[in-house]
Amino acid sequence: MTTIDDEYATARFAALSDAQLAAVVREQRDDYTERALELAAAELERRGVEPSRLVALQAEAPSAALARSHGRAVGERWLDVYAALLGMSAVAAPLMQLLLSTAPLWALVVQVPVSVFQLAVALGLRKRRAWGWYLNWLSLLVVFLAASINGAAVGALIWVLLNTVYFARRRRLFQWAKSTL
């Protein structure tokens, strides 16, 4: 792993509950590289969780583990759903304009670059890249402006405000490269 990968993995492991980290180093160990397992174990050690406590954490009632990690788990699920919705709408919008011949040709010419942009944003968000996080702000602005033009400003404003709060609070989930200057 590179330094950026180490920093990303460390931040991701820091966001997990003790029970989730215990699962990473025990039953999910085949899903991770040796370096990732070292980082997860280091996070457990930093928290003062002893190896003997790992079995107890795994046996812990699922509802208790979920209650402790509920905010983080739900937060990342919406990120994945949001990226999927963005990608699907990017594909569906030009197809709908092609199938519904009532739209003028210039609308399709405008929609294709917007769809390519949306696909790029969805990919960046899905891969947790900083550029995806930044481009998402522009995407939210485009959604609001397009909806306002079409007379749906109130709904778009609610959508944009909710996602603005959501993404502002989850900046830590995205990889940030250090400046080489």
Protein backbone atom coordinates (compact mmCIF):
# COMPACT_ATOMS: atom_id res chain seq x y z
CA MET A 1 0.00 0.00 0.00
CA THR A 2 1.10 3.54 -0.57
CA THR A 3 1.04 6.23 2.09
CA ILE A 4 -2.29 7.50 0.78
CA ASP A 5 -3.76 3.99 0.96
CA ASP A 6 -2.43 3.63 4.52
CA GLU A 7 -4.00 6.94 5.52
CA TYR A 8 -7.29 5.99 3.89
CA ALA A 9 -7.39 2.55 5.52
CA THR A 10 -6.42 4.01 8.90
CA ALA A 11 -9.26 6.56 8.67
CA ARG A 12 -11.74 3.87 7.62
CA PHE A 13 -10.71 1.56 10.46
CA ALA A 14 -10.87 4.43 12.94
CA ALA A 15 -14.51 4.94 11.95
CA LEU A 16 -15.44 1.32 12.77
CA SER A 17 -16.70 0.10 16.13
CA ASP A 18 -14.62 -2.32 18.21
CA ALA A 19 -16.90 -5.19 17.17
CA GLN A 20 -16.54 -4.33 13.49
CA LEU A 21 -12.74 -4.16 13.81
CA ALA A 22 -12.75 -7.49 15.61
CA ALA A 23 -14.64 -8.99 12.68
CA VAL A 24 -12.05 -7.55 10.26
CA VAL A 25 -9.09 -9.14 12.04
CA ARG A 26 -10.87 -12.47 12.66
CA GLU A 27 -13.59 -13.84 10.38
CA GLN A 28 -13.19 -11.30 7.53
CA ARG A 29 -9.42 -11.59 7.47
CA ASP A 30 -9.42 -13.25 4.00
CA ASP A 31 -11.05 -10.11 2.56
CA TYR A 32 -8.10 -7.86 3.50
CA THR A 33 -4.43 -7.53 2.59
CA GLU A 34 -1.78 -8.19 5.22
CA ARG A 35 -1.06 -4.45 5.45
CA ALA A 36 -4.74 -3.66 6.03
CA LEU A 37 -4.90 -6.30 8.76
CA GLU A 38 -1.82 -4.74 10.40
CA LEU A 39 -3.54 -1.33 10.35
CA ALA A 40 -6.77 -2.76 11.79
CA ALA A 41 -4.83 -4.52 14.56
CA ALA A 42 -2.92 -1.28 15.25
CA GLU A 43 -6.24 0.57 15.61
CA LEU A 44 -7.49 -2.04 18.09
CA GLU A 45 -4.22 -1.72 20.00
CA ARG A 46 -4.50 2.08 19.97
CA ARG A 47 -7.96 1.72 21.53
CA GLY A 48 -6.58 -0.61 24.18
CA VAL A 49 -8.63 -3.61 23.06
CA GLU A 50 -6.85 -6.79 24.15
CA PRO A 51 -6.85 -9.90 21.93
CA SER A 52 -8.78 -11.84 24.60
CA ARG A 53 -11.57 -9.25 24.35
CA LEU A 54 -12.02 -9.87 20.58
CA VAL A 55 -14.00 -13.07 21.17
CA ALA A 56 -16.30 -11.25 23.59
CA LEU A 57 -16.83 -8.47 21.05
CA GLN A 58 -17.85 -10.97 18.39
CA ALA A 59 -20.26 -12.71 20.75
CA GLU A 60 -21.82 -9.38 21.66
CA ALA A 61 -25.48 -9.02 20.80
CA PRO A 62 -25.87 -7.67 17.25
CA SER A 63 -28.27 -4.98 18.43
CA ALA A 64 -25.67 -3.57 20.85
CA ALA A 65 -22.99 -3.47 18.15
CA LEU A 66 -25.44 -1.86 15.74
CA ALA A 67 -26.48 0.73 18.30
CA ARG A 68 -22.84 1.81 18.81
CA SER A 69 -22.01 1.99 15.11
CA HIS A 70 -25.42 2.99 13.76
CA GLY A 71 -24.46 6.52 12.70
CA ARG A 72 -21.38 5.46 10.76
CA ALA A 73 -22.91 2.45 9.05
CA VAL A 74 -26.02 4.29 7.89
CA GLY A 75 -23.90 7.22 6.72
CA GLU A 76 -21.85 5.10 4.38
CA ARG A 77 -24.85 3.18 3.10
CA TRP A 78 -26.47 6.41 1.90
CA LEU A 79 -23.24 7.36 0.17
CA ASP A 80 -23.36 4.11 -1.81
CA VAL A 81 -27.07 4.51 -2.59
CA TYR A 82 -26.55 8.15 -3.60
CA ALA A 83 -23.69 7.23 -5.96
CA ALA A 84 -25.80 4.44 -7.50
CA LEU A 85 -28.79 6.76 -7.97
CA LEU A 86 -26.56 9.38 -9.57
CA GLY A 87 -25.08 6.82 -11.95
CA MET A 88 -28.46 5.35 -12.86
CA SER A 89 -29.97 8.77 -13.53
CA ALA A 90 -26.98 9.63 -15.71
CA VAL A 91 -27.71 6.62 -17.90
CA ALA A 92 -31.52 6.92 -17.80
CA ALA A 93 -31.82 10.61 -18.68
CA PRO A 94 -30.42 10.49 -22.24
CA LEU A 95 -32.19 7.18 -22.89
CA MET A 96 -35.49 8.72 -21.89
CA GLN A 97 -34.88 11.67 -24.16
CA LEU A 98 -34.14 9.33 -27.05
CA LEU A 99 -37.22 7.19 -26.39
CA LEU A 100 -39.53 10.14 -25.86
CA SER A 101 -39.21 11.88 -29.18
CA THR A 102 -41.00 14.95 -27.82
CA ALA A 103 -37.72 16.37 -26.54
CA PRO A 104 -35.85 18.62 -28.98
CA LEU A 105 -32.45 17.50 -30.28
CA TRP A 106 -30.64 20.31 -28.45
CA ALA A 107 -31.90 18.88 -25.14
CA LEU A 108 -30.14 15.60 -25.90
CA VAL A 109 -26.98 17.47 -26.91
CA VAL A 110 -27.02 19.19 -23.50
CA GLN A 111 -27.95 16.04 -21.57
CA VAL A 112 -25.10 13.84 -22.81
CA PRO A 113 -22.25 15.95 -21.30
CA VAL A 114 -24.27 16.35 -18.08
CA SER A 115 -24.69 12.57 -17.93
CA VAL A 116 -20.98 11.99 -18.49
CA PHE A 117 -20.28 14.45 -15.65
CA GLN A 118 -22.77 12.65 -13.38
CA LEU A 119 -21.15 9.29 -14.13
CA ALA A 120 -17.74 10.72 -13.24
CA VAL A 121 -19.10 12.10 -9.96
CA ALA A 122 -20.78 8.78 -9.14
CA LEU A 123 -17.52 6.92 -9.81
CA GLY A 124 -15.52 9.37 -7.67
CA LEU A 125 -17.98 9.06 -4.80
CA ARG A 126 -18.13 5.28 -5.05
CA LYS A 127 -14.33 5.02 -4.95
CA ARG A 128 -14.19 7.61 -2.12
CA ARG A 129 -11.95 10.01 -4.05
CA ALA A 130 -11.55 13.64 -3.00
CA TRP A 131 -12.21 14.88 -6.54
CA GLY A 132 -15.56 13.06 -6.47
CA TRP A 133 -16.42 14.83 -3.22
CA TYR A 134 -15.57 18.22 -4.75
CA LEU A 135 -17.38 17.56 -8.03
CA ASN A 136 -20.46 16.46 -6.10
CA TRP A 137 -20.90 20.05 -4.89
CA LEU A 138 -21.06 21.20 -8.50
CA SER A 139 -23.46 18.33 -9.25
CA LEU A 140 -25.77 19.44 -6.44
CA LEU A 141 -25.73 22.97 -7.85
CA VAL A 142 -26.60 21.67 -11.34
CA VAL A 143 -29.48 19.61 -9.89
CA PHE A 144 -30.85 22.65 -8.10
CA LEU A 145 -30.57 24.93 -11.15
CA ALA A 146 -32.11 22.35 -13.50
CA ALA A 147 -34.99 21.67 -11.11
CA SER A 148 -35.56 25.39 -10.62
CA ILE A 149 -35.84 25.89 -14.37
CA ASN A 150 -38.37 23.04 -14.51
CA GLY A 151 -40.44 24.47 -11.65
CA ALA A 152 -39.40 22.05 -8.90
CA ALA A 153 -37.24 24.42 -6.88
CA VAL A 154 -38.69 23.54 -3.46
CA GLY A 155 -38.10 19.80 -3.81
CA ALA A 156 -34.65 20.39 -5.26
CA LEU A 157 -33.79 22.80 -2.43
CA ILE A 158 -34.73 20.18 0.17
CA TRP A 159 -32.68 17.51 -1.68
CA VAL A 160 -29.66 19.80 -1.98
CA LEU A 161 -29.80 20.99 1.65
CA LEU A 162 -30.05 17.46 3.05
CA ASN A 163 -27.18 16.21 0.91
CA THR A 164 -25.11 19.29 1.65
CA VAL A 165 -25.29 18.53 5.37
CA TYR A 166 -24.62 14.84 4.72
CA PHE A 167 -21.54 15.34 2.52
CA ALA A 168 -20.10 18.15 4.64
CA ARG A 169 -20.04 15.76 7.61
CA ARG A 170 -18.44 12.90 5.67
CA ARG A 171 -15.42 14.59 4.19
CA ARG A 172 -13.19 12.25 6.21
CA LEU A 173 -14.36 9.26 4.15
CA PHE A 174 -12.60 10.48 1.03
CA GLN A 175 -8.93 10.08 0.09
CA TRP A 176 -6.94 13.26 0.27
CA ALA A 177 -3.56 13.38 -1.42
CA LYS A 178 -0.87 15.41 0.29
CA SER A 179 0.55 18.32 -1.62
CA THR A 180 3.90 17.61 -3.26
CA LEU A 181 4.88 21.28 -3.41
